Each structure stands twice: as C-alpha cells, then as structure tokens.
Amino acid sequence: MLDEPRLADAELVTEYCQDPLFERYLTTPWPYTRADADAFLGSYVPESWASGRELTWAIRGADGGPVLGMISVREAQHELGFWLGAAHRGSGLMSEAATAVSEWVLGGGIRGATSLMWRAVEGNTASARVARAAGFRRIEPIAPTVPTRDGGTLPAWHAVRTEPVDPRVDESWRSILGGGR
C-alpha cells in the first residue's frame, strides 16, 4: 500500500538507511542520521508535494502499518526512484509499487508525462530487476551516469517506461539480468 510518509516513520527510515547498500548505490546522506530522516519527512517530503517538485510515497504492508520503504517521482524529469528496507526485499513488493506509480504517472497523474525515467548505479541488479518487472526498457544514453551525494557522477544503467509497455523490455535487460522476468 502506498500512502503519505509521516514524521512518525523517522525511526524506521533512519534504521533502513544505515544499510551499506545505501552508501554504495543511493544518494541519501551518509552516514544517515535521525536528523536526516526528520528533515526528509518533516520538511522535504511535504514541501516537495506542495511544489510538485518530487512526489514521495511510503510503502506499507497494510493501512497504518510501519513503513517498509519509499518510492518517488521527480517531476522535472519524470524520474522514478525507490528503496526498500533490507528485511522486506525479494517479495515483489517494490515491483508492485513501481508498477503502480508508473501506471499512475503515465495515466495522467502527472500532466503531460508520456514517459518515465529510471537510473541506478551500475551493479545495482536488485533495482534493475524492479525496473524490468515494472516495464522499463533499458536504454543507453550518450552519458550513462548518475549523480553522487558528493556532486560527482558514477556509471549508471538507464531505462524508460512508456504506456503501453514497450515489448522489447525483457530483451533490453538480457545482457545484465539474463533472460525473462
């Protein structure tokens, strides 16, 4: 279930963001502190929703349940980003959330959005599996990079999602993820 991130989620967000994979693959602050979670949930998320700059949802197992992860769309470039707490990975939950958000965006949730972008640091195969499952077709742009928390860039995988889903999705990922979903 997707709903509004709340300040009450700060303890779990702080805990999840201690995962060493976050340091390697995400642009979240590192080390991640409770103050980072409080600022993200108390200021950044509500201000970004109000401006339309970035739309962020909490992923929960049930209505009113604890946060399991986050998923967002940066409006300017229609870019999907997500993370899930380690204990909740591998269940298909993130693929389901990514599909739901993608369909919402491309179904008129963000006016004028005709495609949705995804990118991740090379090697982040878990994120790539989610992107493939959600219907993103891997592409190779001129500069396949992703920004880092320190202002640099790293080599990255890029993909795009359209409506309807491009029939070449599975083939586009074969060199990285092998065959089939």
N, C-alpha and C. Protein backbone atom coordinates (compact mmCIF):
# COMPACT_ATOMS: atom_id res chain seq x y z
N MET A 1 0.84 -1.18 0.00
CA MET A 1 0.00 0.00 0.00
C MET A 1 0.88 1.24 0.00
N LEU A 2 0.50 2.23 -0.76
CA LEU A 2 1.23 3.49 -0.84
C LEU A 2 0.43 4.55 -0.11
N ASP A 3 1.11 5.32 0.75
CA ASP A 3 0.45 6.43 1.40
C ASP A 3 1.46 7.49 1.79
N GLU A 4 1.02 8.45 2.53
CA GLU A 4 1.84 9.61 2.88
C GLU A 4 2.93 9.23 3.89
N PRO A 5 4.18 9.60 3.60
CA PRO A 5 5.23 9.44 4.59
C PRO A 5 4.95 10.38 5.77
N ARG A 6 5.23 9.91 6.97
CA ARG A 6 4.96 10.70 8.17
C ARG A 6 6.21 10.85 9.01
N LEU A 7 6.24 11.90 9.80
CA LEU A 7 7.35 12.12 10.71
C LEU A 7 7.50 10.93 11.66
N ALA A 8 6.41 10.27 11.98
CA ALA A 8 6.45 9.09 12.86
C ALA A 8 7.24 7.94 12.23
N ASP A 9 7.52 8.00 10.93
CA ASP A 9 8.30 6.97 10.24
C ASP A 9 9.82 7.16 10.42
N ALA A 10 10.23 8.25 11.06
CA ALA A 10 11.65 8.62 11.11
C ALA A 10 12.55 7.55 11.71
N GLU A 11 12.10 6.89 12.75
CA GLU A 11 12.95 5.87 13.38
C GLU A 11 13.27 4.73 12.42
N LEU A 12 12.24 4.21 11.74
CA LEU A 12 12.47 3.13 10.78
C LEU A 12 13.25 3.61 9.56
N VAL A 13 12.95 4.80 9.07
CA VAL A 13 13.71 5.33 7.92
C VAL A 13 15.19 5.43 8.29
N THR A 14 15.47 5.93 9.48
CA THR A 14 16.86 6.03 9.93
C THR A 14 17.51 4.65 9.98
N GLU A 15 16.79 3.69 10.53
CA GLU A 15 17.31 2.32 10.62
C GLU A 15 17.59 1.74 9.23
N TYR A 16 16.62 1.84 8.33
CA TYR A 16 16.80 1.28 6.98
C TYR A 16 17.96 1.93 6.24
N CYS A 17 18.12 3.23 6.42
CA CYS A 17 19.14 3.98 5.67
C CYS A 17 20.55 3.78 6.22
N GLN A 18 20.72 2.89 7.20
CA GLN A 18 22.05 2.51 7.68
C GLN A 18 22.64 1.38 6.84
N ASP A 19 21.85 0.81 5.97
CA ASP A 19 22.25 -0.31 5.12
C ASP A 19 23.45 0.09 4.26
N PRO A 20 24.53 -0.69 4.29
CA PRO A 20 25.70 -0.35 3.47
C PRO A 20 25.40 -0.24 1.97
N LEU A 21 24.35 -0.92 1.49
CA LEU A 21 23.98 -0.77 0.08
C LEU A 21 23.55 0.65 -0.23
N PHE A 22 23.00 1.36 0.75
CA PHE A 22 22.60 2.75 0.53
C PHE A 22 23.82 3.62 0.27
N GLU A 23 24.91 3.35 0.99
CA GLU A 23 26.14 4.12 0.76
C GLU A 23 26.65 3.87 -0.65
N ARG A 24 26.58 2.65 -1.10
CA ARG A 24 27.12 2.28 -2.41
C ARG A 24 26.25 2.74 -3.57
N TYR A 25 24.92 2.61 -3.43
CA TYR A 25 24.04 2.80 -4.58
C TYR A 25 23.13 4.02 -4.55
N LEU A 26 22.90 4.62 -3.41
CA LEU A 26 21.94 5.72 -3.33
C LEU A 26 22.63 7.06 -3.04
N THR A 27 21.86 8.13 -3.20
CA THR A 27 22.40 9.46 -2.94
C THR A 27 21.95 10.01 -1.58
N THR A 28 21.37 9.15 -0.75
CA THR A 28 20.99 9.58 0.59
C THR A 28 22.24 10.00 1.35
N PRO A 29 22.10 10.91 2.33
CA PRO A 29 23.28 11.29 3.11
C PRO A 29 23.94 10.06 3.74
N TRP A 30 25.25 10.13 3.91
CA TRP A 30 25.98 9.03 4.55
C TRP A 30 27.06 9.59 5.43
N PRO A 31 27.16 9.18 6.69
CA PRO A 31 26.20 8.29 7.35
C PRO A 31 24.85 8.98 7.52
N TYR A 32 23.79 8.18 7.52
CA TYR A 32 22.42 8.69 7.62
C TYR A 32 22.04 8.77 9.09
N THR A 33 21.53 9.94 9.50
CA THR A 33 21.20 10.17 10.91
C THR A 33 19.70 10.38 11.11
N ARG A 34 19.29 10.38 12.34
CA ARG A 34 17.89 10.67 12.66
C ARG A 34 17.54 12.09 12.20
N ALA A 35 18.48 13.02 12.32
CA ALA A 35 18.22 14.39 11.85
C ALA A 35 17.94 14.41 10.34
N ASP A 36 18.63 13.55 9.58
CA ASP A 36 18.36 13.45 8.14
C ASP A 36 16.94 12.96 7.89
N ALA A 37 16.52 11.95 8.63
CA ALA A 37 15.16 11.41 8.48
C ALA A 37 14.11 12.45 8.87
N ASP A 38 14.36 13.17 9.98
CA ASP A 38 13.42 14.20 10.42
C ASP A 38 13.28 15.30 9.37
N ALA A 39 14.41 15.72 8.78
CA ALA A 39 14.37 16.77 7.75
C ALA A 39 13.66 16.26 6.49
N PHE A 40 13.95 15.04 6.10
CA PHE A 40 13.32 14.46 4.91
C PHE A 40 11.82 14.35 5.09
N LEU A 41 11.38 13.77 6.19
CA LEU A 41 9.95 13.53 6.41
C LEU A 41 9.19 14.76 6.87
N GLY A 42 9.86 15.63 7.64
CA GLY A 42 9.17 16.79 8.20
C GLY A 42 9.16 18.01 7.30
N SER A 43 10.16 18.12 6.40
CA SER A 43 10.25 19.30 5.53
C SER A 43 10.26 18.93 4.05
N TYR A 44 11.25 18.13 3.65
CA TYR A 44 11.44 17.87 2.22
C TYR A 44 10.21 17.26 1.56
N VAL A 45 9.68 16.18 2.13
CA VAL A 45 8.55 15.49 1.50
C VAL A 45 7.33 16.41 1.38
N PRO A 46 6.88 17.04 2.47
CA PRO A 46 5.68 17.89 2.32
C PRO A 46 5.92 19.11 1.41
N GLU A 47 7.11 19.71 1.48
CA GLU A 47 7.40 20.86 0.62
C GLU A 47 7.47 20.44 -0.85
N SER A 48 8.01 19.26 -1.11
CA SER A 48 8.12 18.76 -2.49
C SER A 48 6.75 18.41 -3.06
N TRP A 49 5.86 17.85 -2.24
CA TRP A 49 4.49 17.59 -2.70
C TRP A 49 3.79 18.91 -3.01
N ALA A 50 3.96 19.89 -2.11
CA ALA A 50 3.28 21.18 -2.30
C ALA A 50 3.73 21.87 -3.58
N SER A 51 5.02 21.76 -3.90
CA SER A 51 5.55 22.42 -5.10
C SER A 51 5.40 21.55 -6.35
N GLY A 52 5.19 20.26 -6.16
CA GLY A 52 5.14 19.32 -7.28
C GLY A 52 6.51 18.89 -7.75
N ARG A 53 7.56 19.33 -7.04
CA ARG A 53 8.95 19.03 -7.43
C ARG A 53 9.25 17.53 -7.36
N GLU A 54 8.79 16.89 -6.30
CA GLU A 54 9.01 15.45 -6.13
C GLU A 54 7.84 14.89 -5.32
N LEU A 55 7.28 13.79 -5.81
CA LEU A 55 6.16 13.15 -5.14
C LEU A 55 6.66 11.86 -4.52
N THR A 56 6.58 11.77 -3.19
CA THR A 56 7.13 10.63 -2.46
C THR A 56 6.02 9.93 -1.68
N TRP A 57 6.00 8.61 -1.81
CA TRP A 57 5.05 7.79 -1.08
C TRP A 57 5.81 6.84 -0.15
N ALA A 58 5.20 6.56 1.00
CA ALA A 58 5.67 5.49 1.88
C ALA A 58 5.06 4.19 1.38
N ILE A 59 5.84 3.14 1.43
CA ILE A 59 5.35 1.80 1.11
C ILE A 59 5.09 1.11 2.44
N ARG A 60 3.88 0.61 2.60
CA ARG A 60 3.48 -0.07 3.84
C ARG A 60 2.83 -1.41 3.49
N GLY A 61 2.92 -2.35 4.40
CA GLY A 61 2.29 -3.65 4.18
C GLY A 61 0.79 -3.61 4.38
N ALA A 62 0.31 -2.66 5.19
CA ALA A 62 -1.11 -2.53 5.48
C ALA A 62 -1.40 -1.09 5.86
N ASP A 63 -2.66 -0.72 5.76
CA ASP A 63 -3.09 0.63 6.13
C ASP A 63 -2.68 0.93 7.57
N GLY A 64 -1.95 2.00 7.76
CA GLY A 64 -1.49 2.39 9.09
C GLY A 64 -0.31 1.59 9.60
N GLY A 65 0.18 0.66 8.80
CA GLY A 65 1.31 -0.18 9.22
C GLY A 65 2.63 0.56 9.15
N PRO A 66 3.69 -0.09 9.61
CA PRO A 66 5.00 0.55 9.57
C PRO A 66 5.51 0.74 8.15
N VAL A 67 6.33 1.74 7.97
CA VAL A 67 6.94 1.99 6.67
C VAL A 67 7.90 0.85 6.34
N LEU A 68 7.88 0.43 5.08
CA LEU A 68 8.77 -0.63 4.60
C LEU A 68 9.81 -0.08 3.63
N GLY A 69 9.47 1.06 3.00
CA GLY A 69 10.35 1.68 2.02
C GLY A 69 9.72 2.93 1.49
N MET A 70 10.35 3.53 0.48
CA MET A 70 9.88 4.76 -0.14
C MET A 70 9.99 4.63 -1.66
N ILE A 71 9.10 5.34 -2.33
CA ILE A 71 9.14 5.43 -3.79
C ILE A 71 8.76 6.85 -4.16
N SER A 72 9.43 7.41 -5.17
CA SER A 72 9.14 8.80 -5.54
C SER A 72 9.31 9.01 -7.03
N VAL A 73 8.73 10.13 -7.47
CA VAL A 73 8.90 10.59 -8.85
C VAL A 73 9.35 12.04 -8.79
N ARG A 74 10.50 12.31 -9.38
CA ARG A 74 10.96 13.69 -9.52
C ARG A 74 10.27 14.26 -10.75
N GLU A 75 9.47 15.27 -10.54
CA GLU A 75 8.58 15.78 -11.59
C GLU A 75 9.32 16.35 -12.79
N ALA A 76 10.39 17.08 -12.58
CA ALA A 76 11.05 17.77 -13.69
C ALA A 76 11.46 16.81 -14.80
N GLN A 77 12.06 15.67 -14.45
CA GLN A 77 12.50 14.73 -15.47
C GLN A 77 11.67 13.44 -15.47
N HIS A 78 10.59 13.43 -14.69
CA HIS A 78 9.74 12.23 -14.58
C HIS A 78 10.60 11.01 -14.29
N GLU A 79 11.38 11.09 -13.21
CA GLU A 79 12.31 10.02 -12.85
C GLU A 79 11.83 9.28 -11.60
N LEU A 80 11.77 7.97 -11.71
CA LEU A 80 11.34 7.11 -10.61
C LEU A 80 12.55 6.72 -9.77
N GLY A 81 12.41 6.81 -8.45
CA GLY A 81 13.44 6.36 -7.53
C GLY A 81 12.78 5.60 -6.39
N PHE A 82 13.49 4.66 -5.78
CA PHE A 82 12.89 3.86 -4.72
C PHE A 82 13.94 3.17 -3.88
N TRP A 83 13.52 2.79 -2.68
CA TRP A 83 14.32 1.92 -1.82
C TRP A 83 13.38 1.16 -0.89
N LEU A 84 13.86 0.03 -0.42
CA LEU A 84 13.09 -0.82 0.47
C LEU A 84 14.01 -1.29 1.58
N GLY A 85 13.50 -1.34 2.81
CA GLY A 85 14.28 -1.86 3.92
C GLY A 85 14.71 -3.29 3.62
N ALA A 86 15.92 -3.66 4.06
CA ALA A 86 16.51 -4.96 3.71
C ALA A 86 15.60 -6.13 4.05
N ALA A 87 14.91 -6.09 5.16
CA ALA A 87 14.07 -7.21 5.59
C ALA A 87 12.86 -7.42 4.68
N HIS A 88 12.56 -6.45 3.84
CA HIS A 88 11.36 -6.51 3.01
C HIS A 88 11.65 -6.74 1.53
N ARG A 89 12.92 -6.94 1.20
CA ARG A 89 13.30 -7.15 -0.19
C ARG A 89 13.05 -8.58 -0.64
N GLY A 90 12.86 -8.73 -1.94
CA GLY A 90 12.74 -10.06 -2.52
C GLY A 90 11.33 -10.62 -2.57
N SER A 91 10.34 -9.85 -2.13
CA SER A 91 8.97 -10.34 -2.09
C SER A 91 8.13 -9.87 -3.27
N GLY A 92 8.69 -9.02 -4.11
CA GLY A 92 7.93 -8.44 -5.22
C GLY A 92 7.20 -7.17 -4.84
N LEU A 93 7.31 -6.76 -3.59
CA LEU A 93 6.63 -5.57 -3.11
C LEU A 93 7.05 -4.31 -3.87
N MET A 94 8.35 -4.14 -4.11
CA MET A 94 8.82 -2.95 -4.80
C MET A 94 8.41 -2.97 -6.26
N SER A 95 8.43 -4.13 -6.90
CA SER A 95 7.99 -4.21 -8.30
C SER A 95 6.53 -3.81 -8.40
N GLU A 96 5.72 -4.25 -7.45
CA GLU A 96 4.31 -3.88 -7.43
C GLU A 96 4.14 -2.37 -7.25
N ALA A 97 4.90 -1.79 -6.32
CA ALA A 97 4.81 -0.34 -6.09
C ALA A 97 5.29 0.44 -7.31
N ALA A 98 6.41 0.01 -7.90
CA ALA A 98 6.95 0.71 -9.08
C ALA A 98 5.97 0.64 -10.25
N THR A 99 5.32 -0.48 -10.42
CA THR A 99 4.31 -0.61 -11.48
C THR A 99 3.13 0.32 -11.22
N ALA A 100 2.65 0.33 -9.98
CA ALA A 100 1.50 1.19 -9.63
C ALA A 100 1.81 2.67 -9.83
N VAL A 101 2.97 3.11 -9.38
CA VAL A 101 3.34 4.52 -9.53
C VAL A 101 3.54 4.86 -11.01
N SER A 102 4.18 3.97 -11.75
CA SER A 102 4.39 4.19 -13.19
C SER A 102 3.06 4.33 -13.92
N GLU A 103 2.15 3.43 -13.63
CA GLU A 103 0.84 3.49 -14.29
C GLU A 103 0.08 4.75 -13.90
N TRP A 104 0.21 5.17 -12.66
CA TRP A 104 -0.45 6.40 -12.21
C TRP A 104 0.12 7.61 -12.95
N VAL A 105 1.46 7.71 -13.00
CA VAL A 105 2.11 8.85 -13.68
C VAL A 105 1.69 8.89 -15.15
N LEU A 106 1.82 7.76 -15.84
CA LEU A 106 1.57 7.72 -17.28
C LEU A 106 0.09 7.71 -17.62
N GLY A 107 -0.75 7.47 -16.62
CA GLY A 107 -2.19 7.51 -16.82
C GLY A 107 -2.79 8.87 -16.54
N GLY A 108 -1.94 9.89 -16.36
CA GLY A 108 -2.42 11.25 -16.15
C GLY A 108 -2.14 11.81 -14.77
N GLY A 109 -1.51 11.02 -13.91
CA GLY A 109 -1.19 11.51 -12.56
C GLY A 109 -0.27 12.72 -12.56
N ILE A 110 0.63 12.76 -13.53
CA ILE A 110 1.46 13.95 -13.76
C ILE A 110 1.14 14.41 -15.17
N ARG A 111 0.50 15.54 -15.23
CA ARG A 111 0.05 16.05 -16.53
C ARG A 111 1.20 16.19 -17.51
N GLY A 112 1.00 15.67 -18.70
CA GLY A 112 1.99 15.79 -19.76
C GLY A 112 3.07 14.72 -19.74
N ALA A 113 3.08 13.84 -18.76
CA ALA A 113 4.10 12.78 -18.70
C ALA A 113 3.77 11.70 -19.72
N THR A 114 4.66 11.51 -20.68
CA THR A 114 4.48 10.46 -21.68
C THR A 114 5.49 9.33 -21.51
N SER A 115 6.47 9.57 -20.65
CA SER A 115 7.45 8.53 -20.34
C SER A 115 7.96 8.78 -18.93
N LEU A 116 8.56 7.75 -18.38
CA LEU A 116 9.11 7.80 -17.03
C LEU A 116 10.52 7.25 -17.11
N MET A 117 11.46 7.90 -16.45
CA MET A 117 12.87 7.51 -16.50
C MET A 117 13.25 6.78 -15.21
N TRP A 118 14.21 5.89 -15.30
CA TRP A 118 14.82 5.22 -14.15
C TRP A 118 16.31 5.15 -14.41
N ARG A 119 17.10 5.28 -13.37
CA ARG A 119 18.54 5.06 -13.49
C ARG A 119 19.08 4.62 -12.15
N ALA A 120 20.17 3.86 -12.21
CA ALA A 120 20.81 3.36 -11.00
C ALA A 120 22.28 3.13 -11.27
N VAL A 121 23.07 3.19 -10.23
CA VAL A 121 24.50 2.92 -10.33
C VAL A 121 24.69 1.52 -10.91
N GLU A 122 25.61 1.39 -11.87
CA GLU A 122 25.92 0.08 -12.44
C GLU A 122 26.20 -0.91 -11.32
N GLY A 123 25.66 -2.10 -11.47
CA GLY A 123 25.84 -3.13 -10.46
C GLY A 123 24.65 -3.31 -9.54
N ASN A 124 23.74 -2.35 -9.53
CA ASN A 124 22.56 -2.44 -8.67
C ASN A 124 21.51 -3.32 -9.36
N THR A 125 21.80 -4.62 -9.36
CA THR A 125 20.92 -5.55 -10.08
C THR A 125 19.55 -5.68 -9.44
N ALA A 126 19.44 -5.52 -8.13
CA ALA A 126 18.12 -5.60 -7.49
C ALA A 126 17.21 -4.49 -8.02
N SER A 127 17.73 -3.28 -8.12
CA SER A 127 16.96 -2.17 -8.65
C SER A 127 16.63 -2.40 -10.12
N ALA A 128 17.59 -2.93 -10.86
CA ALA A 128 17.36 -3.22 -12.28
C ALA A 128 16.26 -4.26 -12.46
N ARG A 129 16.22 -5.26 -11.60
CA ARG A 129 15.14 -6.27 -11.68
C ARG A 129 13.78 -5.63 -11.45
N VAL A 130 13.71 -4.70 -10.50
CA VAL A 130 12.46 -3.98 -10.25
C VAL A 130 12.06 -3.19 -11.49
N ALA A 131 13.01 -2.46 -12.06
CA ALA A 131 12.72 -1.65 -13.25
C ALA A 131 12.20 -2.53 -14.38
N ARG A 132 12.86 -3.65 -14.61
CA ARG A 132 12.41 -4.57 -15.66
C ARG A 132 11.00 -5.08 -15.37
N ALA A 133 10.75 -5.51 -14.13
CA ALA A 133 9.43 -6.04 -13.76
C ALA A 133 8.33 -4.99 -13.90
N ALA A 134 8.69 -3.71 -13.72
CA ALA A 134 7.71 -2.63 -13.82
C ALA A 134 7.55 -2.13 -15.26
N GLY A 135 8.22 -2.77 -16.22
CA GLY A 135 8.03 -2.42 -17.62
C GLY A 135 8.99 -1.39 -18.18
N PHE A 136 10.11 -1.15 -17.51
CA PHE A 136 11.11 -0.20 -18.01
C PHE A 136 12.02 -0.91 -19.00
N ARG A 137 12.24 -0.28 -20.15
CA ARG A 137 13.15 -0.78 -21.19
C ARG A 137 14.51 -0.11 -21.01
N ARG A 138 15.56 -0.92 -20.91
CA ARG A 138 16.91 -0.39 -20.76
C ARG A 138 17.31 0.36 -22.02
N ILE A 139 17.93 1.53 -21.82
CA ILE A 139 18.43 2.35 -22.92
C ILE A 139 19.90 2.68 -22.64
N GLU A 140 20.60 3.14 -23.65
CA GLU A 140 22.00 3.53 -23.49
C GLU A 140 22.17 4.96 -23.96
N PRO A 141 22.00 5.93 -23.03
CA PRO A 141 22.17 7.33 -23.41
C PRO A 141 23.63 7.68 -23.68
N ILE A 142 23.85 8.85 -24.22
CA ILE A 142 25.21 9.31 -24.53
C ILE A 142 26.08 9.34 -23.27
N ALA A 143 25.54 9.83 -22.17
CA ALA A 143 26.29 9.92 -20.92
C ALA A 143 25.56 9.11 -19.84
N PRO A 144 25.78 7.79 -19.80
CA PRO A 144 25.06 6.96 -18.84
C PRO A 144 25.65 7.06 -17.43
N THR A 145 25.29 8.10 -16.74
CA THR A 145 25.79 8.32 -15.38
C THR A 145 24.62 8.63 -14.45
N VAL A 146 24.94 8.66 -13.18
CA VAL A 146 24.00 9.06 -12.13
C VAL A 146 24.79 9.94 -11.16
N PRO A 147 24.16 11.00 -10.64
CA PRO A 147 24.89 11.86 -9.70
C PRO A 147 25.12 11.16 -8.37
N THR A 148 26.20 11.57 -7.72
CA THR A 148 26.53 11.04 -6.40
C THR A 148 26.25 12.10 -5.34
N ARG A 149 26.28 11.68 -4.09
CA ARG A 149 25.98 12.62 -2.99
C ARG A 149 27.04 13.71 -2.87
N ASP A 150 28.24 13.48 -3.40
CA ASP A 150 29.30 14.49 -3.28
C ASP A 150 29.41 15.38 -4.52
N GLY A 151 28.44 15.27 -5.45
CA GLY A 151 28.44 16.12 -6.63
C GLY A 151 29.11 15.52 -7.84
N GLY A 152 29.67 14.34 -7.70
CA GLY A 152 30.29 13.67 -8.84
C GLY A 152 29.27 12.84 -9.60
N THR A 153 29.77 11.93 -10.41
CA THR A 153 28.89 11.00 -11.14
C THR A 153 29.52 9.62 -11.11
N LEU A 154 28.67 8.62 -11.31
CA LEU A 154 29.12 7.24 -11.44
C LEU A 154 28.47 6.63 -12.68
N PRO A 155 29.12 5.63 -13.28
CA PRO A 155 28.49 4.93 -14.40
C PRO A 155 27.15 4.36 -13.95
N ALA A 156 26.17 4.41 -14.85
CA ALA A 156 24.82 4.01 -14.47
C ALA A 156 24.11 3.27 -15.58
N TRP A 157 23.09 2.53 -15.17
CA TRP A 157 22.14 1.95 -16.09
C TRP A 157 20.94 2.88 -16.17
N HIS A 158 20.38 3.03 -17.36
CA HIS A 158 19.22 3.89 -17.58
C HIS A 158 18.12 3.06 -18.24
N ALA A 159 16.87 3.45 -17.96
CA ALA A 159 15.74 2.79 -18.60
C ALA A 159 14.58 3.77 -18.70
N VAL A 160 13.63 3.44 -19.56
CA VAL A 160 12.47 4.30 -19.78
C VAL A 160 11.21 3.43 -19.80
N ARG A 161 10.14 3.98 -19.26
CA ARG A 161 8.84 3.29 -19.24
C ARG A 161 7.84 4.14 -20.00
N THR A 162 7.10 3.52 -20.88
CA THR A 162 6.05 4.20 -21.63
C THR A 162 4.75 3.44 -21.42
N GLU A 163 3.69 4.02 -21.93
CA GLU A 163 2.39 3.36 -21.90
C GLU A 163 1.86 3.34 -23.33
N PRO A 164 1.65 2.17 -23.94
CA PRO A 164 1.77 0.86 -23.33
C PRO A 164 3.24 0.48 -23.14
N VAL A 165 3.46 -0.57 -22.36
CA VAL A 165 4.81 -1.06 -22.10
C VAL A 165 5.44 -1.52 -23.42
N ASP A 166 6.67 -1.10 -23.63
CA ASP A 166 7.42 -1.47 -24.83
C ASP A 166 7.64 -3.00 -24.84
N PRO A 167 7.34 -3.68 -25.94
CA PRO A 167 7.51 -5.14 -25.99
C PRO A 167 8.97 -5.59 -25.94
N ARG A 168 9.91 -4.65 -26.06
CA ARG A 168 11.34 -5.01 -26.03
C ARG A 168 11.94 -4.98 -24.63
N VAL A 169 11.12 -4.84 -23.59
CA VAL A 169 11.63 -4.70 -22.22
C VAL A 169 12.56 -5.85 -21.86
N ASP A 170 12.09 -7.09 -21.92
CA ASP A 170 12.91 -8.21 -21.46
C ASP A 170 14.22 -8.32 -22.23
N GLU A 171 14.16 -8.17 -23.55
CA GLU A 171 15.37 -8.26 -24.37
C GLU A 171 16.38 -7.17 -24.00
N SER A 172 15.90 -5.99 -23.66
CA SER A 172 16.81 -4.88 -23.36
C SER A 172 17.65 -5.14 -22.11
N TRP A 173 17.20 -6.01 -21.23
CA TRP A 173 17.91 -6.30 -19.97
C TRP A 173 18.75 -7.57 -20.05
N ARG A 174 18.64 -8.32 -21.12
CA ARG A 174 19.26 -9.64 -21.20
C ARG A 174 20.76 -9.63 -20.87
N SER A 175 21.50 -8.65 -21.36
CA SER A 175 22.96 -8.63 -21.14
C SER A 175 23.32 -8.40 -19.68
N ILE A 176 22.42 -7.82 -18.91
CA ILE A 176 22.69 -7.54 -17.50
C ILE A 176 22.04 -8.56 -16.57
N LEU A 177 20.78 -8.88 -16.85
CA LEU A 177 19.99 -9.70 -15.93
C LEU A 177 19.69 -11.11 -16.43
N GLY A 178 20.11 -11.43 -17.64
CA GLY A 178 19.76 -12.73 -18.19
C GLY A 178 18.35 -12.74 -18.74
N GLY A 179 17.83 -13.87 -19.00
CA GLY A 179 16.51 -13.97 -19.64
C GLY A 179 15.34 -13.91 -18.68
N GLY A 180 14.22 -13.44 -19.21
CA GLY A 180 12.91 -13.46 -18.54
C GLY A 180 12.81 -12.77 -17.21
N ARG A 181 11.57 -12.50 -16.85
CA ARG A 181 11.32 -11.87 -15.54
C ARG A 181 11.26 -12.94 -14.54
